[in-house]
Amino acid sequence: MERQNPVLTAIRERRSVRRYTGDPVTREELLRILEAGRWAPSGLNNQPWRFLVIQAGDTRQEALASCSKYAPILRSASALICVFLDREAMYHEAKDHQSAGACIQNMLLAAHALDLGGVWLGEIINHSPQVMDALSLDSRLLELQAVIALGRPAHPGVSSRKELAELLLEEL
């Protein structure tokens, strides 16, 4: 019998969840998710990511919602993790953006492992100036990468994937 690898299982089973029950996400859960993000790989181990956590009821939640076409998701989340790159900590734009993606994926996998639902909202970066104003943050110091919406899932996420053969440039 083949033993299941929990990491590979989590990667396969994680889904984007966009509807939540309204039950809170605990401080402990948020800290565990942020810790997972902190351990993502980064070039030169520069760890350029910075986080702002906004919990349900914070007036900034509505301010963020007004900056995105995904406002209903932002409004219904129990917590939002805004992910930024610290411009002074960056050393290579492309590599630092890649590391931010790894950081976000780590946090989404951690949320899944904690039986939480989460979704990576990247569309919001199209409105970065408004987001930075809404959060009273300086865009000369921080670059918005994404907002992760979190909550207790109100539904299971669903997804499909292309066959691996469609993605390979050469057959293995």
Protein backbone atom coordinates (compact mmCIF):
# COMPACT_ATOMS: atom_id res chain seq x y z
CA MET A 1 0.00 0.00 0.00
CA GLU A 2 1.35 3.42 -0.99
CA ARG A 3 1.70 5.86 1.89
CA GLN A 4 0.13 9.26 1.26
CA ASN A 5 2.46 12.22 1.49
CA PRO A 6 0.69 14.98 3.44
CA VAL A 7 2.40 17.81 1.57
CA LEU A 8 1.53 16.42 -1.87
CA THR A 9 -2.02 15.68 -0.67
CA ALA A 10 -2.44 19.25 0.60
CA ILE A 11 -1.20 20.66 -2.71
CA ARG A 12 -3.73 18.54 -4.61
CA GLU A 13 -6.64 19.22 -2.25
CA ARG A 14 -6.25 22.96 -1.61
CA ARG A 15 -8.88 25.03 -3.39
CA SER A 16 -9.77 28.69 -3.60
CA VAL A 17 -12.71 29.32 -1.27
CA ARG A 18 -14.68 32.50 -1.81
CA ARG A 19 -17.63 32.12 0.58
CA TYR A 20 -17.35 31.97 4.35
CA THR A 21 -19.61 31.18 7.30
CA GLY A 22 -18.81 34.37 9.22
CA ASP A 23 -17.25 32.48 12.12
CA PRO A 24 -13.99 34.10 13.22
CA VAL A 25 -10.47 33.02 12.39
CA THR A 26 -8.50 32.88 15.63
CA ARG A 27 -5.34 34.80 16.41
CA GLU A 28 -3.52 31.47 16.77
CA GLU A 29 -4.64 30.38 13.29
CA LEU A 30 -3.55 33.71 11.81
CA LEU A 31 -0.14 33.41 13.46
CA ARG A 32 0.32 29.89 12.09
CA ILE A 33 -0.60 31.07 8.60
CA LEU A 34 1.79 34.03 8.82
CA GLU A 35 4.55 31.71 10.09
CA ALA A 36 4.06 29.51 7.03
CA GLY A 37 4.45 32.58 4.82
CA ARG A 38 7.57 33.63 6.70
CA TRP A 39 9.25 30.33 5.81
CA ALA A 40 8.86 30.72 2.04
CA PRO A 41 12.04 30.76 -0.03
CA SER A 42 13.49 34.07 -1.16
CA GLY A 43 16.55 35.10 -3.14
CA LEU A 44 19.53 35.74 -0.87
CA ASN A 45 17.11 34.90 1.97
CA ASN A 46 16.10 38.57 1.90
CA GLN A 47 12.51 37.82 3.03
CA PRO A 48 11.12 41.02 1.48
CA TRP A 49 7.47 40.33 2.30
CA ARG A 50 5.50 42.34 4.82
CA PHE A 51 2.00 41.59 6.11
CA LEU A 52 -0.96 43.61 7.28
CA VAL A 53 -3.76 41.59 8.89
CA ILE A 54 -7.24 43.08 8.87
CA GLN A 55 -9.95 41.28 10.82
CA ALA A 56 -13.70 41.43 10.31
CA GLY A 57 -15.20 44.65 11.58
CA ASP A 58 -12.09 46.75 10.98
CA THR A 59 -13.11 49.81 8.93
CA ARG A 60 -10.23 49.10 6.56
CA GLN A 61 -12.05 45.95 5.43
CA GLU A 62 -14.72 48.04 3.74
CA ALA A 63 -12.10 50.43 2.42
CA LEU A 64 -10.34 47.49 0.74
CA ALA A 65 -13.62 46.13 -0.61
CA SER A 66 -14.22 49.45 -2.35
CA CYS A 67 -10.95 48.92 -4.26
CA SER A 68 -11.84 45.62 -5.92
CA LYS A 69 -14.41 44.01 -8.17
CA TYR A 70 -14.31 41.16 -5.62
CA ALA A 71 -15.82 43.34 -2.90
CA PRO A 72 -18.29 40.64 -1.71
CA ILE A 73 -15.41 38.27 -0.96
CA LEU A 74 -13.47 40.95 0.89
CA ARG A 75 -16.55 41.97 2.90
CA SER A 76 -17.47 38.42 3.93
CA ALA A 77 -13.99 37.25 4.95
CA SER A 78 -13.22 36.82 8.64
CA ALA A 79 -9.68 38.03 8.05
CA LEU A 80 -7.64 39.56 5.25
CA ILE A 81 -3.89 39.28 4.90
CA CYS A 82 -2.46 42.04 2.75
CA VAL A 83 0.90 40.99 1.34
CA PHE A 84 3.46 43.61 0.35
CA LEU A 85 7.07 43.71 -0.72
CA ASP A 86 9.32 46.04 1.24
CA ARG A 87 11.00 48.05 -1.51
CA GLU A 88 14.10 48.65 0.63
CA ALA A 89 14.52 44.89 1.26
CA MET A 90 14.16 43.97 -2.41
CA TYR A 91 17.25 43.14 -4.45
CA HIS A 92 15.85 41.79 -7.74
CA GLU A 93 12.33 42.65 -8.86
CA ALA A 94 11.47 39.39 -10.65
CA LYS A 95 12.97 37.16 -7.96
CA ASP A 96 11.26 39.10 -5.18
CA HIS A 97 7.89 38.84 -6.95
CA GLN A 98 8.45 35.11 -7.29
CA SER A 99 9.24 34.82 -3.59
CA ALA A 100 6.05 36.74 -2.75
CA GLY A 101 4.12 34.14 -4.76
CA ALA A 102 5.78 31.33 -2.79
CA CYS A 103 4.94 33.15 0.45
CA ILE A 104 1.29 33.49 -0.56
CA GLN A 105 1.09 29.82 -1.59
CA ASN A 106 2.60 28.76 1.75
CA MET A 107 -0.08 30.76 3.57
CA LEU A 108 -2.88 29.27 1.47
CA LEU A 109 -1.57 25.75 2.15
CA ALA A 110 -1.39 26.53 5.87
CA ALA A 111 -4.97 27.82 5.83
CA HIS A 112 -6.06 24.61 4.11
CA ALA A 113 -4.18 22.52 6.69
CA LEU A 114 -6.10 24.39 9.42
CA ASP A 115 -9.45 23.63 7.71
CA LEU A 116 -9.88 27.25 6.70
CA GLY A 117 -10.86 28.54 3.31
CA GLY A 118 -8.81 31.13 1.53
CA VAL A 119 -8.43 32.82 -1.81
CA TRP A 120 -5.59 34.75 -3.41
CA LEU A 121 -6.98 38.05 -4.69
CA GLY A 122 -4.52 39.40 -7.21
CA GLU A 123 -6.91 41.63 -9.13
CA ILE A 124 -6.67 44.19 -6.35
CA ILE A 125 -3.14 45.15 -7.44
CA ASN A 126 -4.77 46.84 -10.44
CA HIS A 127 -5.97 49.40 -7.89
CA SER A 128 -2.78 49.69 -5.82
CA PRO A 129 -2.84 53.48 -5.47
CA GLN A 130 -6.38 53.38 -4.01
CA VAL A 131 -5.47 50.44 -1.75
CA MET A 132 -2.41 52.19 -0.40
CA ASP A 133 -4.47 55.33 0.28
CA ALA A 134 -7.24 53.28 1.93
CA LEU A 135 -4.68 51.63 4.21
CA SER A 136 -2.68 54.84 4.80
CA LEU A 137 0.50 53.15 3.58
CA ASP A 138 3.35 54.64 1.57
CA SER A 139 3.74 53.12 -1.90
CA ARG A 140 7.33 54.38 -1.99
CA LEU A 141 8.10 51.89 0.79
CA LEU A 142 5.71 49.01 0.07
CA GLU A 143 4.46 47.33 -3.10
CA LEU A 144 1.11 45.52 -2.89
CA GLN A 145 1.29 41.90 -4.07
CA ALA A 146 -2.10 40.45 -3.14
CA VAL A 147 -4.77 40.18 -0.50
CA ILE A 148 -5.61 36.78 0.94
CA ALA A 149 -9.21 36.47 2.11
CA LEU A 150 -9.71 33.89 4.86
CA GLY A 151 -12.63 32.35 6.68
CA ARG A 152 -14.42 29.17 7.65
CA PRO A 153 -15.56 27.65 4.35
CA ALA A 154 -19.27 27.94 3.55
CA HIS A 155 -18.73 25.56 0.61
CA PRO A 156 -15.98 23.30 -0.68
CA GLY A 157 -13.84 24.84 -3.36
CA VAL A 158 -13.84 23.19 -6.76
CA SER A 159 -11.26 23.18 -9.48
CA SER A 160 -9.88 21.20 -12.36
CA ARG A 161 -6.49 21.05 -14.00
CA LYS A 162 -5.22 20.52 -17.50
CA GLU A 163 -3.56 17.19 -18.15
CA LEU A 164 0.18 17.30 -17.49
CA ALA A 165 0.86 16.35 -21.11
CA GLU A 166 -0.75 19.65 -22.19
CA LEU A 167 1.71 21.61 -20.08
CA LEU A 168 4.95 19.86 -20.97
CA LEU A 169 7.04 21.41 -23.73
CA GLU A 170 8.68 18.02 -24.28
CA GLU A 171 7.46 14.56 -23.43
CA LEU A 172 9.18 12.91 -20.47
